[in-house]
Amino acid sequence: MVTSTQWPAGSAVRTWLVGARLKTLPVTMAPIAVGTAIASSLGHFSGWRAALTLLFALGFVLGTNFFNDYSDGVRGADDHRVGPVRLVGSGRASPRQVLRCGLVLYGMAALAGVVMAVTISWWLLALAVVCALGGWFYTGGSRPYGYRSLGDVGIFLFHGVIAVCATAYIQLGRVPLLALAASVSIGLLACALLTTNNLRDIPTDTAAGKITIAVRLGDRRTRVYYVLCLALAFASALLLAASRPGALLVLGAVPFAVFPLRRVLGGARGSDLIPALEHTCLLLLAFGTLLAIGLAL
């Protein structure tokens, strides 16, 4: 196997940045923006708490990306990958290197969690443990839930409900009902993002024994599922307008949904779905930004 240390320095850096999956960071930034905006609208905002929240989230999310790379790589799920390069599956880094990188990032997140526990609430230690276990067992361990059609549930909870509500809690010391309601929209869009990835990987996941929701539903119904995730995300956000009219700003994100919808409904397969994934990321970023602005008004 070729390790990253055998590559030229510049190439190695680019390889590890690709392995971090930075293009999917909107799934991290959007819920933090929404949770922070809700707290701000209620008269509470702390810059240092926001910085710790971001450090905590990035550590766990990026660390989980590397753990996912490691686990899928050693299981052989990435041996014939169609999408963006994975470090272990492509041979660009050894499993041990990728695992070590994930552990370092989790350590960074844990440190932020300890600081928040000491300064804000000891309950945040429980949050750190839940996030760590949820990230590792997504594709790791002997019975990963991502291989048992529960990946969408995990994404909805961790990148939707938990991310928005925890961000609000870190700022406010409580979880307002508005945060719980707003987390539904973000969670559904996170599921849509995962669906573009899983739709593309149906053939390889099936061969590797990775039974995602997309594998269970099949190609046609997975495309319908994607549309439903987007539609329900916008519908649930618009319901917030009853108490927060500014939530109507999310309608400005509708144009960002056009391209990925055309790709998915047009029957794109394999690498042709990569642009749909990228544009779903842009949709999530635009949606989260506009929702955050609307709720902060």
C-alpha atoms as a PDB file:
ATOM      1  CA  MET A   1       0.000   0.000   0.000  1.00  0.00           C
ATOM      2  CA  VAL A   2       1.218   3.504  -0.829  1.00  0.00           C
ATOM      3  CA  THR A   3       1.358   5.801   2.198  1.00  0.00           C
ATOM      4  CA  SER A   4       0.968   9.558   2.181  1.00  0.00           C
ATOM      5  CA  THR A   5       4.598   9.937   3.223  1.00  0.00           C
ATOM      6  CA  GLN A   6       5.620   8.520  -0.152  1.00  0.00           C
ATOM      7  CA  TRP A   7       3.898  11.321  -2.005  1.00  0.00           C
ATOM      8  CA  PRO A   8       5.410  14.751  -2.728  1.00  0.00           C
ATOM      9  CA  ALA A   9       4.688  17.166   0.124  1.00  0.00           C
ATOM     10  CA  GLY A  10       2.167  19.277  -1.785  1.00  0.00           C
ATOM     11  CA  SER A  11       0.353  16.233  -3.099  1.00  0.00           C
ATOM     12  CA  ALA A  12       0.215  14.708   0.381  1.00  0.00           C
ATOM     13  CA  VAL A  13      -1.371  17.838   1.820  1.00  0.00           C
ATOM     14  CA  ARG A  14      -3.993  17.897  -0.923  1.00  0.00           C
ATOM     15  CA  THR A  15      -4.673  14.208  -0.388  1.00  0.00           C
ATOM     16  CA  TRP A  16      -5.348  14.666   3.324  1.00  0.00           C
ATOM     17  CA  LEU A  17      -7.537  17.696   2.675  1.00  0.00           C
ATOM     18  CA  VAL A  18      -9.612  15.632   0.244  1.00  0.00           C
ATOM     19  CA  GLY A  19      -9.787  12.878   2.841  1.00  0.00           C
ATOM     20  CA  ALA A  20     -11.217  15.382   5.332  1.00  0.00           C
ATOM     21  CA  ARG A  21     -14.174  15.942   2.940  1.00  0.00           C
ATOM     22  CA  LEU A  22     -14.142  19.711   3.450  1.00  0.00           C
ATOM     23  CA  LYS A  23     -16.774  20.213   0.764  1.00  0.00           C
ATOM     24  CA  THR A  24     -19.365  18.708   3.112  1.00  0.00           C
ATOM     25  CA  LEU A  25     -18.670  21.201   5.914  1.00  0.00           C
ATOM     26  CA  PRO A  26     -21.987  23.017   5.326  1.00  0.00           C
ATOM     27  CA  VAL A  27     -23.586  20.077   7.143  1.00  0.00           C
ATOM     28  CA  THR A  28     -21.596  21.245  10.188  1.00  0.00           C
ATOM     29  CA  MET A  29     -21.830  24.987   9.743  1.00  0.00           C
ATOM     30  CA  ALA A  30     -25.555  25.246   9.005  1.00  0.00           C
ATOM     31  CA  PRO A  31     -26.872  23.835  12.314  1.00  0.00           C
ATOM     32  CA  ILE A  32     -24.357  25.854  14.331  1.00  0.00           C
ATOM     33  CA  ALA A  33     -25.438  29.025  12.518  1.00  0.00           C
ATOM     34  CA  VAL A  34     -29.107  28.279  13.153  1.00  0.00           C
ATOM     35  CA  GLY A  35     -28.629  27.401  16.828  1.00  0.00           C
ATOM     36  CA  THR A  36     -26.501  30.485  17.414  1.00  0.00           C
ATOM     37  CA  ALA A  37     -29.030  32.709  15.632  1.00  0.00           C
ATOM     38  CA  ILE A  38     -31.839  31.393  17.828  1.00  0.00           C
ATOM     39  CA  ALA A  39     -29.833  32.150  20.970  1.00  0.00           C
ATOM     40  CA  SER A  40     -28.982  35.606  19.654  1.00  0.00           C
ATOM     41  CA  SER A  41     -32.646  36.340  18.951  1.00  0.00           C
ATOM     42  CA  LEU A  42     -33.363  35.529  22.595  1.00  0.00           C
ATOM     43  CA  GLY A  43     -30.724  38.017  23.735  1.00  0.00           C
ATOM     44  CA  HIS A  44     -27.791  35.684  24.399  1.00  0.00           C
ATOM     45  CA  PHE A  45     -24.599  35.440  22.365  1.00  0.00           C
ATOM     46  CA  SER A  46     -21.093  34.649  23.546  1.00  0.00           C
ATOM     47  CA  GLY A  47     -18.203  34.709  21.109  1.00  0.00           C
ATOM     48  CA  TRP A  48     -15.997  32.341  23.095  1.00  0.00           C
ATOM     49  CA  ARG A  49     -18.845  29.851  23.474  1.00  0.00           C
ATOM     50  CA  ALA A  50     -19.463  29.994  19.730  1.00  0.00           C
ATOM     51  CA  ALA A  51     -15.745  29.374  19.074  1.00  0.00           C
ATOM     52  CA  LEU A  52     -15.700  26.360  21.406  1.00  0.00           C
ATOM     53  CA  THR A  53     -18.857  25.013  19.763  1.00  0.00           C
ATOM     54  CA  LEU A  54     -17.238  25.260  16.340  1.00  0.00           C
ATOM     55  CA  LEU A  55     -14.027  23.588  17.547  1.00  0.00           C
ATOM     56  CA  PHE A  56     -16.042  20.817  19.206  1.00  0.00           C
ATOM     57  CA  ALA A  57     -18.148  20.186  16.104  1.00  0.00           C
ATOM     58  CA  LEU A  58     -15.298  20.333  13.586  1.00  0.00           C
ATOM     59  CA  GLY A  59     -13.209  17.934  15.640  1.00  0.00           C
ATOM     60  CA  PHE A  60     -15.933  15.324  15.781  1.00  0.00           C
ATOM     61  CA  VAL A  61     -17.178  15.775  12.214  1.00  0.00           C
ATOM     62  CA  LEU A  62     -13.762  15.729  10.544  1.00  0.00           C
ATOM     63  CA  GLY A  63     -12.619  12.970  12.859  1.00  0.00           C
ATOM     64  CA  THR A  64     -15.675  10.925  11.937  1.00  0.00           C
ATOM     65  CA  ASN A  65     -14.888  11.458   8.257  1.00  0.00           C
ATOM     66  CA  PHE A  66     -11.476   9.872   8.772  1.00  0.00           C
ATOM     67  CA  PHE A  67     -12.930   7.057  10.894  1.00  0.00           C
ATOM     68  CA  ASN A  68     -15.452   6.421   8.127  1.00  0.00           C
ATOM     69  CA  ASP A  69     -12.608   6.330   5.603  1.00  0.00           C
ATOM     70  CA  TYR A  70     -10.728   3.896   7.818  1.00  0.00           C
ATOM     71  CA  SER A  71     -13.654   1.564   8.537  1.00  0.00           C
ATOM     72  CA  ASP A  72     -14.990   1.473   4.970  1.00  0.00           C
ATOM     73  CA  GLY A  73     -11.457   1.016   3.680  1.00  0.00           C
ATOM     74  CA  VAL A  74     -10.577  -1.973   5.832  1.00  0.00           C
ATOM     75  CA  ARG A  75     -13.990  -3.548   5.106  1.00  0.00           C
ATOM     76  CA  GLY A  76     -13.418  -3.191   1.359  1.00  0.00           C
ATOM     77  CA  ALA A  77     -16.435  -0.936   0.805  1.00  0.00           C
ATOM     78  CA  ASP A  78     -14.253   1.620  -1.047  1.00  0.00           C
ATOM     79  CA  ASP A  79     -12.311  -0.833  -3.217  1.00  0.00           C
ATOM     80  CA  HIS A  80     -14.273   0.103  -6.350  1.00  0.00           C
ATOM     81  CA  ARG A  81     -15.419   3.564  -5.356  1.00  0.00           C
ATOM     82  CA  VAL A  82     -16.994   5.858  -7.974  1.00  0.00           C
ATOM     83  CA  GLY A  83     -17.050   9.072  -5.920  1.00  0.00           C
ATOM     84  CA  PRO A  84     -14.320  11.284  -4.447  1.00  0.00           C
ATOM     85  CA  VAL A  85     -11.093   9.565  -3.394  1.00  0.00           C
ATOM     86  CA  ARG A  86     -10.880   7.801  -0.045  1.00  0.00           C
ATOM     87  CA  LEU A  87      -7.480   7.484   1.554  1.00  0.00           C
ATOM     88  CA  VAL A  88      -7.481   3.842   2.635  1.00  0.00           C
ATOM     89  CA  GLY A  89      -9.481   2.491  -0.296  1.00  0.00           C
ATOM     90  CA  SER A  90      -7.227   4.246  -2.826  1.00  0.00           C
ATOM     91  CA  GLY A  91      -4.030   3.256  -1.055  1.00  0.00           C
ATOM     92  CA  ARG A  92      -2.965   6.865  -0.548  1.00  0.00           C
ATOM     93  CA  ALA A  93      -2.625   6.347   3.215  1.00  0.00           C
ATOM     94  CA  SER A  94      -2.419   3.363   5.491  1.00  0.00           C
ATOM     95  CA  PRO A  95      -5.333   2.419   7.760  1.00  0.00           C
ATOM     96  CA  ARG A  96      -3.189   3.232  10.797  1.00  0.00           C
ATOM     97  CA  GLN A  97      -2.409   6.738   9.533  1.00  0.00           C
ATOM     98  CA  VAL A  98      -6.062   7.496   8.852  1.00  0.00           C
ATOM     99  CA  LEU A  99      -7.158   6.081  12.208  1.00  0.00           C
ATOM    100  CA  ARG A 100      -4.512   8.162  13.984  1.00  0.00           C
ATOM    101  CA  CYS A 101      -5.717  11.325  12.245  1.00  0.00           C
ATOM    102  CA  GLY A 102      -9.274  10.648  13.361  1.00  0.00           C
ATOM    103  CA  LEU A 103      -8.136  10.104  16.941  1.00  0.00           C
ATOM    104  CA  VAL A 104      -6.224  13.398  16.965  1.00  0.00           C
ATOM    105  CA  LEU A 105      -9.302  15.276  15.759  1.00  0.00           C
ATOM    106  CA  TYR A 106     -11.500  13.531  18.323  1.00  0.00           C
ATOM    107  CA  GLY A 107      -8.968  14.539  20.966  1.00  0.00           C
ATOM    108  CA  MET A 108      -9.320  18.169  19.886  1.00  0.00           C
ATOM    109  CA  ALA A 109     -13.102  17.905  20.124  1.00  0.00           C
ATOM    110  CA  ALA A 110     -12.877  16.202  23.521  1.00  0.00           C
ATOM    111  CA  LEU A 111     -10.664  18.997  24.835  1.00  0.00           C
ATOM    112  CA  ALA A 112     -13.208  21.590  23.709  1.00  0.00           C
ATOM    113  CA  GLY A 113     -15.922  19.493  25.343  1.00  0.00           C
ATOM    114  CA  VAL A 114     -14.069  19.383  28.660  1.00  0.00           C
ATOM    115  CA  VAL A 115     -13.568  23.166  28.623  1.00  0.00           C
ATOM    116  CA  MET A 116     -17.281  23.671  27.937  1.00  0.00           C
ATOM    117  CA  ALA A 117     -18.206  21.189  30.660  1.00  0.00           C
ATOM    118  CA  VAL A 118     -16.087  23.042  33.221  1.00  0.00           C
ATOM    119  CA  THR A 119     -17.248  26.515  32.212  1.00  0.00           C
ATOM    120  CA  ILE A 120     -20.851  25.908  31.118  1.00  0.00           C
ATOM    121  CA  SER A 121     -22.372  22.582  32.177  1.00  0.00           C
ATOM    122  CA  TRP A 122     -21.091  19.126  33.083  1.00  0.00           C
ATOM    123  CA  TRP A 123     -23.903  17.708  30.932  1.00  0.00           C
ATOM    124  CA  LEU A 124     -21.764  18.609  27.931  1.00  0.00           C
ATOM    125  CA  LEU A 125     -19.430  15.741  28.808  1.00  0.00           C
ATOM    126  CA  ALA A 126     -22.329  13.397  28.082  1.00  0.00           C
ATOM    127  CA  LEU A 127     -22.792  15.171  24.753  1.00  0.00           C
ATOM    128  CA  ALA A 128     -19.133  14.574  23.912  1.00  0.00           C
ATOM    129  CA  VAL A 129     -19.438  10.867  24.711  1.00  0.00           C
ATOM    130  CA  VAL A 130     -22.608  10.508  22.615  1.00  0.00           C
ATOM    131  CA  CYS A 131     -21.004  12.287  19.647  1.00  0.00           C
ATOM    132  CA  ALA A 132     -17.865  10.171  19.894  1.00  0.00           C
ATOM    133  CA  LEU A 133     -19.785   6.900  20.043  1.00  0.00           C
ATOM    134  CA  GLY A 134     -22.163   7.976  17.285  1.00  0.00           C
ATOM    135  CA  GLY A 135     -19.295   8.961  15.008  1.00  0.00           C
ATOM    136  CA  TRP A 136     -17.269   5.794  15.524  1.00  0.00           C
ATOM    137  CA  PHE A 137     -20.097   3.272  15.297  1.00  0.00           C
ATOM    138  CA  TYR A 138     -21.486   4.852  12.115  1.00  0.00           C
ATOM    139  CA  THR A 139     -19.168   2.589  10.117  1.00  0.00           C
ATOM    140  CA  GLY A 140     -16.901   1.223  12.873  1.00  0.00           C
ATOM    141  CA  GLY A 141     -17.196  -1.681  15.257  1.00  0.00           C
ATOM    142  CA  SER A 142     -18.594  -5.144  14.615  1.00  0.00           C
ATOM    143  CA  ARG A 143     -22.157  -3.945  13.924  1.00  0.00           C
ATOM    144  CA  PRO A 144     -21.976  -0.416  12.438  1.00  0.00           C
ATOM    145  CA  TYR A 145     -25.388   1.219  12.232  1.00  0.00           C
ATOM    146  CA  GLY A 146     -24.492   2.865   8.913  1.00  0.00           C
ATOM    147  CA  TYR A 147     -24.418  -0.637   7.426  1.00  0.00           C
ATOM    148  CA  ARG A 148     -27.848  -1.465   8.888  1.00  0.00           C
ATOM    149  CA  SER A 149     -30.002   1.234   7.253  1.00  0.00           C
ATOM    150  CA  LEU A 150     -29.728   3.566  10.257  1.00  0.00           C
ATOM    151  CA  GLY A 151     -27.311   6.056   8.739  1.00  0.00           C
ATOM    152  CA  ASP A 152     -30.086   8.497   7.878  1.00  0.00           C
ATOM    153  CA  VAL A 153     -31.384   8.372  11.442  1.00  0.00           C
ATOM    154  CA  GLY A 154     -27.899   9.115  12.739  1.00  0.00           C
ATOM    155  CA  ILE A 155     -27.384  11.987  10.301  1.00  0.00           C
ATOM    156  CA  PHE A 156     -30.791  13.491  11.151  1.00  0.00           C
ATOM    157  CA  LEU A 157     -30.076  13.333  14.880  1.00  0.00           C
ATOM    158  CA  PHE A 158     -26.425  14.363  14.966  1.00  0.00           C
ATOM    159  CA  HIS A 159     -26.410  16.963  12.182  1.00  0.00           C
ATOM    160  CA  GLY A 160     -29.931  18.179  12.814  1.00  0.00           C
ATOM    161  CA  VAL A 161     -31.530  17.793  16.229  1.00  0.00           C
ATOM    162  CA  ILE A 162     -28.414  17.449  18.388  1.00  0.00           C
ATOM    163  CA  ALA A 163     -26.317  20.006  16.498  1.00  0.00           C
ATOM    164  CA  VAL A 164     -28.921  22.796  16.548  1.00  0.00           C
ATOM    165  CA  CYS A 165     -30.188  22.112  20.064  1.00  0.00           C
ATOM    166  CA  ALA A 166     -26.721  21.663  21.570  1.00  0.00           C
ATOM    167  CA  THR A 167     -25.540  24.923  19.997  1.00  0.00           C
ATOM    168  CA  ALA A 168     -28.510  26.767  21.493  1.00  0.00           C
ATOM    169  CA  TYR A 169     -27.936  25.076  24.858  1.00  0.00           C
ATOM    170  CA  ILE A 170     -24.268  26.080  24.935  1.00  0.00           C
ATOM    171  CA  GLN A 171     -25.315  29.701  24.438  1.00  0.00           C
ATOM    172  CA  LEU A 172     -28.473  29.758  26.584  1.00  0.00           C
ATOM    173  CA  GLY A 173     -28.121  26.994  29.145  1.00  0.00           C
ATOM    174  CA  ARG A 174     -31.440  25.590  27.925  1.00  0.00           C
ATOM    175  CA  VAL A 175     -33.026  24.271  24.749  1.00  0.00           C
ATOM    176  CA  PRO A 176     -35.871  26.473  23.476  1.00  0.00           C
ATOM    177  CA  LEU A 177     -38.681  24.816  21.545  1.00  0.00           C
ATOM    178  CA  LEU A 178     -37.758  26.930  18.529  1.00  0.00           C
ATOM    179  CA  ALA A 179     -34.364  25.177  18.333  1.00  0.00           C
ATOM    180  CA  LEU A 180     -35.993  21.765  18.301  1.00  0.00           C
ATOM    181  CA  ALA A 181     -38.422  22.862  15.572  1.00  0.00           C
ATOM    182  CA  ALA A 182     -35.697  24.437  13.425  1.00  0.00           C
ATOM    183  CA  SER A 183     -33.488  21.356  13.749  1.00  0.00           C
ATOM    184  CA  VAL A 184     -35.982  19.302  11.729  1.00  0.00           C
ATOM    185  CA  SER A 185     -35.340  21.267   8.532  1.00  0.00           C
ATOM    186  CA  ILE A 186     -31.570  21.078   8.895  1.00  0.00           C
ATOM    187  CA  GLY A 187     -31.708  17.365   9.684  1.00  0.00           C
ATOM    188  CA  LEU A 188     -33.807  16.640   6.605  1.00  0.00           C
ATOM    189  CA  LEU A 189     -31.384  18.484   4.339  1.00  0.00           C
ATOM    190  CA  ALA A 190     -28.499  16.574   5.904  1.00  0.00           C
ATOM    191  CA  CYS A 191     -30.370  13.373   5.017  1.00  0.00           C
ATOM    192  CA  ALA A 192     -30.784  14.632   1.451  1.00  0.00           C
ATOM    193  CA  LEU A 193     -27.027  15.183   1.272  1.00  0.00           C
ATOM    194  CA  LEU A 194     -26.360  11.657   2.484  1.00  0.00           C
ATOM    195  CA  THR A 195     -28.905  10.316  -0.002  1.00  0.00           C
ATOM    196  CA  THR A 196     -27.052  11.719  -3.020  1.00  0.00           C
ATOM    197  CA  ASN A 197     -23.963   9.893  -1.794  1.00  0.00           C
ATOM    198  CA  ASN A 198     -25.802   6.634  -1.094  1.00  0.00           C
ATOM    199  CA  LEU A 199     -27.737   6.766  -4.377  1.00  0.00           C
ATOM    200  CA  ARG A 200     -24.454   6.942  -6.273  1.00  0.00           C
ATOM    201  CA  ASP A 201     -22.999   4.078  -4.240  1.00  0.00           C
ATOM    202  CA  ILE A 202     -25.910   1.600  -4.458  1.00  0.00           C
ATOM    203  CA  PRO A 203     -23.978  -0.900  -6.641  1.00  0.00           C
ATOM    204  CA  THR A 204     -20.754  -0.813  -4.611  1.00  0.00           C
ATOM    205  CA  ASP A 205     -22.523  -0.718  -1.239  1.00  0.00           C
ATOM    206  CA  THR A 206     -24.643  -3.697  -2.225  1.00  0.00           C
ATOM    207  CA  ALA A 207     -21.540  -5.661  -3.215  1.00  0.00           C
ATOM    208  CA  ALA A 208     -19.811  -4.738   0.055  1.00  0.00           C
ATOM    209  CA  GLY A 209     -22.800  -5.660   2.214  1.00  0.00           C
ATOM    210  CA  LYS A 210     -23.406  -2.053   3.270  1.00  0.00           C
ATOM    211  CA  ILE A 211     -27.209  -1.930   3.493  1.00  0.00           C
ATOM    212  CA  THR A 212     -28.092   1.753   3.381  1.00  0.00           C
ATOM    213  CA  ILE A 213     -31.600   3.154   3.013  1.00  0.00           C
ATOM    214  CA  ALA A 214     -30.794   3.630  -0.678  1.00  0.00           C
ATOM    215  CA  VAL A 215     -29.875  -0.043  -1.060  1.00  0.00           C
ATOM    216  CA  ARG A 216     -33.156  -1.049   0.591  1.00  0.00           C
ATOM    217  CA  LEU A 217     -35.280   1.360  -1.443  1.00  0.00           C
ATOM    218  CA  GLY A 218     -33.573   0.794  -4.765  1.00  0.00           C
ATOM    219  CA  ASP A 219     -32.666   3.395  -7.368  1.00  0.00           C
ATOM    220  CA  ARG A 220     -36.101   4.789  -8.289  1.00  0.00           C
ATOM    221  CA  ARG A 221     -37.537   5.064  -4.796  1.00  0.00           C
ATOM    222  CA  THR A 222     -34.316   6.579  -3.459  1.00  0.00           C
ATOM    223  CA  ARG A 223     -34.750   9.433  -5.927  1.00  0.00           C
ATOM    224  CA  VAL A 224     -38.280   9.975  -4.606  1.00  0.00           C
ATOM    225  CA  TYR A 225     -36.913   9.870  -1.068  1.00  0.00           C
ATOM    226  CA  TYR A 226     -34.420  12.616  -1.961  1.00  0.00           C
ATOM    227  CA  VAL A 227     -37.219  14.847  -3.264  1.00  0.00           C
ATOM    228  CA  LEU A 228     -39.263  14.233  -0.122  1.00  0.00           C
ATOM    229  CA  CYS A 229     -36.341  15.225   2.097  1.00  0.00           C
ATOM    230  CA  LEU A 230     -35.990  18.540   0.263  1.00  0.00           C
ATOM    231  CA  ALA A 231     -39.723  19.231   0.177  1.00  0.00           C
ATOM    232  CA  LEU A 232     -40.234  18.469   3.854  1.00  0.00           C
ATOM    233  CA  ALA A 233     -37.202  20.552   4.806  1.00  0.00           C
ATOM    234  CA  PHE A 234     -38.688  23.626   3.141  1.00  0.00           C
ATOM    235  CA  ALA A 235     -42.193  22.864   4.441  1.00  0.00           C
ATOM    236  CA  SER A 236     -41.030  22.493   8.042  1.00  0.00           C
ATOM    237  CA  ALA A 237     -39.032  25.735   7.815  1.00  0.00           C
ATOM    238  CA  LEU A 238     -42.046  27.587   6.462  1.00  0.00           C
ATOM    239  CA  LEU A 239     -44.096  26.383   9.414  1.00  0.00           C
ATOM    240  CA  LEU A 240     -41.734  28.339  11.631  1.00  0.00           C
ATOM    241  CA  ALA A 241     -42.944  31.505   9.923  1.00  0.00           C
ATOM    242  CA  ALA A 242     -46.092  31.334  12.049  1.00  0.00           C
ATOM    243  CA  SER A 243     -44.013  32.530  15.012  1.00  0.00           C
ATOM    244  CA  ARG A 244     -40.937  33.845  13.215  1.00  0.00           C
ATOM    245  CA  PRO A 245     -41.910  35.481   9.883  1.00  0.00           C
ATOM    246  CA  GLY A 246     -38.240  35.882   9.027  1.00  0.00           C
ATOM    247  CA  ALA A 247     -38.111  32.133   8.368  1.00  0.00           C
ATOM    248  CA  LEU A 248     -39.695  32.891   5.002  1.00  0.00           C
ATOM    249  CA  LEU A 249     -36.224  33.911   3.866  1.00  0.00           C
ATOM    250  CA  VAL A 250     -35.479  30.217   3.227  1.00  0.00           C
ATOM    251  CA  LEU A 251     -37.486  30.573   0.014  1.00  0.00           C
ATOM    252  CA  GLY A 252     -34.414  32.346  -1.305  1.00  0.00           C
ATOM    253  CA  ALA A 253     -32.637  28.991  -1.241  1.00  0.00           C
ATOM    254  CA  VAL A 254     -35.094  27.398  -3.679  1.00  0.00           C
ATOM    255  CA  PRO A 255     -32.947  28.189  -6.770  1.00  0.00           C
ATOM    256  CA  PHE A 256     -30.111  26.186  -5.193  1.00  0.00           C
ATOM    257  CA  ALA A 257     -32.349  23.108  -5.254  1.00  0.00           C
ATOM    258  CA  VAL A 258     -32.984  23.210  -8.999  1.00  0.00           C
ATOM    259  CA  PHE A 259     -29.698  21.736 -10.228  1.00  0.00           C
ATOM    260  CA  PRO A 260     -29.451  18.766  -7.829  1.00  0.00           C
ATOM    261  CA  LEU A 261     -33.135  17.961  -8.364  1.00  0.00           C
ATOM    262  CA  ARG A 262     -32.614  17.883 -12.123  1.00  0.00           C
ATOM    263  CA  ARG A 263     -29.648  15.549 -11.720  1.00  0.00           C
ATOM    264  CA  VAL A 264     -31.413  13.194  -9.333  1.00  0.00           C
ATOM    265  CA  LEU A 265     -34.758  13.143 -11.163  1.00  0.00           C
ATOM    266  CA  GLY A 266     -32.997  13.024 -14.533  1.00  0.00           C
ATOM    267  CA  GLY A 267     -31.573   9.610 -13.717  1.00  0.00           C
ATOM    268  CA  ALA A 268     -27.907  10.571 -13.219  1.00  0.00           C
ATOM    269  CA  ARG A 269     -25.771   7.696 -11.977  1.00  0.00           C
ATOM    270  CA  GLY A 270     -22.249   7.080 -10.748  1.00  0.00           C
ATOM    271  CA  SER A 271     -19.858  10.005 -11.067  1.00  0.00           C
ATOM    272  CA  ASP A 272     -22.626  12.083 -12.693  1.00  0.00           C
ATOM    273  CA  LEU A 273     -24.194  12.351  -9.232  1.00  0.00           C
ATOM    274  CA  ILE A 274     -21.127  14.019  -7.696  1.00  0.00           C
ATOM    275  CA  PRO A 275     -22.259  17.488  -8.872  1.00  0.00           C
ATOM    276  CA  ALA A 276     -25.665  16.774  -7.294  1.00  0.00           C
ATOM    277  CA  LEU A 277     -23.935  16.079  -3.980  1.00  0.00           C
ATOM    278  CA  GLU A 278     -21.883  19.268  -4.254  1.00  0.00           C
ATOM    279  CA  HIS A 279     -24.916  21.375  -5.096  1.00  0.00           C
ATOM    280  CA  THR A 280     -26.898  19.823  -2.259  1.00  0.00           C
ATOM    281  CA  CYS A 281     -24.076  21.047  -0.012  1.00  0.00           C
ATOM    282  CA  LEU A 282     -24.524  24.530  -1.463  1.00  0.00           C
ATOM    283  CA  LEU A 283     -28.265  24.259  -0.906  1.00  0.00           C
ATOM    284  CA  LEU A 284     -27.718  23.327   2.725  1.00  0.00           C
ATOM    285  CA  LEU A 285     -25.326  26.244   3.185  1.00  0.00           C
ATOM    286  CA  ALA A 286     -27.715  28.738   1.587  1.00  0.00           C
ATOM    287  CA  PHE A 287     -30.725  27.325   3.435  1.00  0.00           C
ATOM    288  CA  GLY A 288     -28.955  27.347   6.793  1.00  0.00           C
ATOM    289  CA  THR A 289     -27.626  30.867   6.300  1.00  0.00           C
ATOM    290  CA  LEU A 290     -31.011  32.293   5.298  1.00  0.00           C
ATOM    291  CA  LEU A 291     -32.817  30.437   8.085  1.00  0.00           C
ATOM    292  CA  ALA A 292     -30.291  31.714  10.622  1.00  0.00           C
ATOM    293  CA  ILE A 293     -30.728  35.287   9.398  1.00  0.00           C
ATOM    294  CA  GLY A 294     -34.504  34.954   9.408  1.00  0.00           C
ATOM    295  CA  LEU A 295     -34.634  33.533  12.930  1.00  0.00           C
ATOM    296  CA  ALA A 296     -32.226  36.184  14.235  1.00  0.00           C
ATOM    297  CA  LEU A 297     -34.414  39.030  13.033  1.00  0.00           C
END
